[in-house]
N, C-alpha and C. Protein backbone atom coordinates (compact mmCIF):
# COMPACT_ATOMS: atom_id res chain seq x y z
N MET A 1 135.93 -162.73 -45.21
CA MET A 1 135.45 -161.82 -44.21
C MET A 1 136.57 -161.39 -43.27
N PHE A 2 137.59 -162.21 -43.16
CA PHE A 2 138.68 -161.86 -42.26
C PHE A 2 139.40 -160.58 -42.66
N PRO A 3 139.68 -160.36 -43.96
CA PRO A 3 140.36 -159.10 -44.33
C PRO A 3 139.56 -157.86 -43.94
N VAL A 4 138.25 -157.92 -44.07
CA VAL A 4 137.42 -156.77 -43.69
C VAL A 4 137.45 -156.58 -42.18
N ALA A 5 137.36 -157.68 -41.45
CA ALA A 5 137.37 -157.59 -40.00
C ALA A 5 138.72 -157.09 -39.48
N SER A 6 139.79 -157.42 -40.17
CA SER A 6 141.11 -157.01 -39.68
C SER A 6 141.37 -155.52 -39.85
N VAL A 7 140.76 -154.88 -40.83
CA VAL A 7 140.99 -153.45 -41.05
C VAL A 7 139.78 -152.59 -40.67
N PHE A 8 138.71 -153.21 -40.19
CA PHE A 8 137.49 -152.45 -39.89
C PHE A 8 137.72 -151.42 -38.79
N LYS A 9 138.49 -151.77 -37.77
CA LYS A 9 138.74 -150.83 -36.67
C LYS A 9 139.45 -149.57 -37.17
N LYS A 10 140.34 -149.73 -38.13
CA LYS A 10 141.02 -148.56 -38.69
C LYS A 10 140.03 -147.62 -39.38
N PHE A 11 139.06 -148.19 -40.09
CA PHE A 11 138.05 -147.37 -40.74
C PHE A 11 137.12 -146.72 -39.73
N VAL A 12 136.83 -147.41 -38.63
CA VAL A 12 136.00 -146.82 -37.57
C VAL A 12 136.73 -145.64 -36.96
N ASP A 13 138.03 -145.78 -36.73
CA ASP A 13 138.82 -144.68 -36.17
C ASP A 13 138.87 -143.48 -37.11
N LEU A 14 138.80 -143.72 -38.41
CA LEU A 14 138.80 -142.63 -39.39
C LEU A 14 137.41 -142.04 -39.60
N GLY A 15 136.40 -142.65 -38.99
CA GLY A 15 135.03 -142.16 -39.14
C GLY A 15 134.31 -142.70 -40.36
N MET A 16 134.85 -143.74 -40.95
CA MET A 16 134.25 -144.33 -42.14
C MET A 16 133.68 -145.72 -41.88
N GLY A 17 133.44 -146.04 -40.62
CA GLY A 17 132.97 -147.38 -40.27
C GLY A 17 131.61 -147.72 -40.86
N GLY A 18 130.71 -146.74 -40.85
CA GLY A 18 129.37 -146.99 -41.39
C GLY A 18 129.38 -147.27 -42.88
N ALA A 19 130.19 -146.52 -43.61
CA ALA A 19 130.27 -146.72 -45.06
C ALA A 19 130.87 -148.08 -45.40
N VAL A 20 131.90 -148.46 -44.67
CA VAL A 20 132.54 -149.75 -44.92
C VAL A 20 131.60 -150.89 -44.54
N LEU A 21 130.91 -150.75 -43.42
CA LEU A 21 129.96 -151.78 -43.01
C LEU A 21 128.82 -151.90 -44.02
N GLY A 22 128.32 -150.77 -44.49
CA GLY A 22 127.24 -150.80 -45.48
C GLY A 22 127.66 -151.45 -46.78
N SER A 23 128.84 -151.12 -47.27
CA SER A 23 129.30 -151.72 -48.52
C SER A 23 129.57 -153.21 -48.35
N PHE A 24 130.08 -153.60 -47.19
CA PHE A 24 130.32 -155.01 -46.92
C PHE A 24 129.00 -155.78 -46.86
N LEU A 25 128.00 -155.23 -46.19
CA LEU A 25 126.70 -155.90 -46.11
C LEU A 25 126.02 -155.95 -47.48
N LEU A 26 126.19 -154.93 -48.29
CA LEU A 26 125.65 -154.95 -49.65
C LEU A 26 126.31 -156.05 -50.47
N PHE A 27 127.61 -156.20 -50.34
CA PHE A 27 128.33 -157.26 -51.05
C PHE A 27 127.84 -158.64 -50.64
N ILE A 28 127.71 -158.86 -49.33
CA ILE A 28 127.23 -160.15 -48.84
C ILE A 28 125.79 -160.39 -49.29
N GLY A 29 124.98 -159.34 -49.31
CA GLY A 29 123.59 -159.47 -49.77
C GLY A 29 123.50 -159.86 -51.24
N ILE A 30 124.36 -159.29 -52.07
CA ILE A 30 124.37 -159.64 -53.49
C ILE A 30 124.80 -161.10 -53.67
N LEU A 31 125.80 -161.52 -52.92
CA LEU A 31 126.23 -162.93 -52.99
C LEU A 31 125.12 -163.87 -52.54
N ALA A 32 124.45 -163.53 -51.44
CA ALA A 32 123.36 -164.37 -50.94
C ALA A 32 122.21 -164.41 -51.94
N GLY A 33 121.91 -163.28 -52.56
CA GLY A 33 120.85 -163.25 -53.57
C GLY A 33 121.18 -164.13 -54.76
N GLY A 34 122.43 -164.15 -55.17
CA GLY A 34 122.84 -165.02 -56.26
C GLY A 34 122.71 -166.49 -55.92
N ILE A 35 123.06 -166.83 -54.70
CA ILE A 35 122.94 -168.23 -54.27
C ILE A 35 121.47 -168.64 -54.21
N VAL A 36 120.62 -167.78 -53.68
CA VAL A 36 119.18 -168.09 -53.61
C VAL A 36 118.61 -168.24 -55.02
N TYR A 37 119.02 -167.37 -55.94
CA TYR A 37 118.54 -167.45 -57.32
C TYR A 37 118.94 -168.79 -57.95
N CYS A 38 120.19 -169.18 -57.80
CA CYS A 38 120.65 -170.45 -58.37
C CYS A 38 119.98 -171.63 -57.70
N TRP A 39 119.74 -171.53 -56.40
CA TRP A 39 119.10 -172.61 -55.67
C TRP A 39 117.67 -172.80 -56.15
N LYS A 40 116.92 -171.70 -56.30
CA LYS A 40 115.53 -171.80 -56.77
C LYS A 40 115.46 -172.27 -58.22
N LYS A 41 116.43 -171.91 -59.00
CA LYS A 41 116.46 -172.33 -60.40
C LYS A 41 116.79 -173.81 -60.53
N GLY A 42 117.42 -174.38 -59.50
CA GLY A 42 117.76 -175.80 -59.51
C GLY A 42 119.16 -176.09 -59.99
N ASP A 43 119.99 -175.07 -60.12
CA ASP A 43 121.34 -175.28 -60.62
C ASP A 43 122.30 -175.83 -59.57
N LEU A 44 121.88 -175.90 -58.33
CA LEU A 44 122.76 -176.41 -57.28
C LEU A 44 122.53 -177.88 -56.98
N ASP A 45 121.63 -178.51 -57.73
CA ASP A 45 121.41 -179.94 -57.54
C ASP A 45 122.55 -180.70 -58.20
N TRP A 46 123.07 -181.69 -57.49
CA TRP A 46 124.19 -182.44 -58.02
C TRP A 46 123.76 -183.30 -59.20
N VAL A 47 122.62 -183.96 -59.04
CA VAL A 47 122.11 -184.82 -60.10
C VAL A 47 120.72 -184.33 -60.45
N ARG A 48 120.54 -183.92 -61.67
CA ARG A 48 119.22 -183.47 -62.11
C ARG A 48 118.45 -184.67 -62.63
N SER A 49 117.19 -184.70 -62.33
CA SER A 49 116.36 -185.79 -62.82
C SER A 49 115.76 -185.38 -64.15
N TYR A 50 115.86 -186.25 -65.09
CA TYR A 50 115.29 -186.01 -66.41
C TYR A 50 114.22 -187.06 -66.68
N GLN A 51 113.13 -186.62 -67.23
CA GLN A 51 112.08 -187.56 -67.60
C GLN A 51 112.33 -188.02 -69.02
N VAL A 52 112.31 -189.32 -69.20
CA VAL A 52 112.54 -189.89 -70.51
C VAL A 52 111.18 -190.17 -71.12
N SER A 53 110.93 -189.59 -72.25
CA SER A 53 109.66 -189.85 -72.92
C SER A 53 109.88 -190.90 -74.00
N GLU A 54 108.95 -191.83 -74.04
CA GLU A 54 109.06 -192.90 -75.03
C GLU A 54 108.35 -192.46 -76.29
N THR A 55 109.12 -192.10 -77.29
CA THR A 55 108.54 -191.66 -78.55
C THR A 55 108.55 -192.77 -79.60
N VAL A 56 109.32 -193.79 -79.37
CA VAL A 56 109.41 -194.90 -80.31
C VAL A 56 108.56 -196.04 -79.78
N LYS A 57 107.65 -196.52 -80.60
CA LYS A 57 106.80 -197.65 -80.20
C LYS A 57 107.58 -198.95 -80.39
N LYS A 58 107.39 -199.83 -79.45
CA LYS A 58 108.01 -201.14 -79.58
C LYS A 58 107.11 -202.01 -80.46
N GLU A 59 107.69 -202.61 -81.47
CA GLU A 59 106.92 -203.48 -82.35
C GLU A 59 107.20 -204.92 -81.98
N ASP A 60 106.13 -205.68 -81.80
CA ASP A 60 106.28 -207.11 -81.46
C ASP A 60 106.21 -207.97 -82.68
């Protein structure tokens, strides 16, 4: 975010501040959407729990 913030004033002076801000917010929104998608899918869990099904009968 720092590179955008460092040159944003130059774009505002050129009259392109709204376009740059819009594209920056769109980029951040796409990144946030990807994180939410992965979070809901469960891919951000460090350890996934797996259920072990016993398919083999123990014979005594």
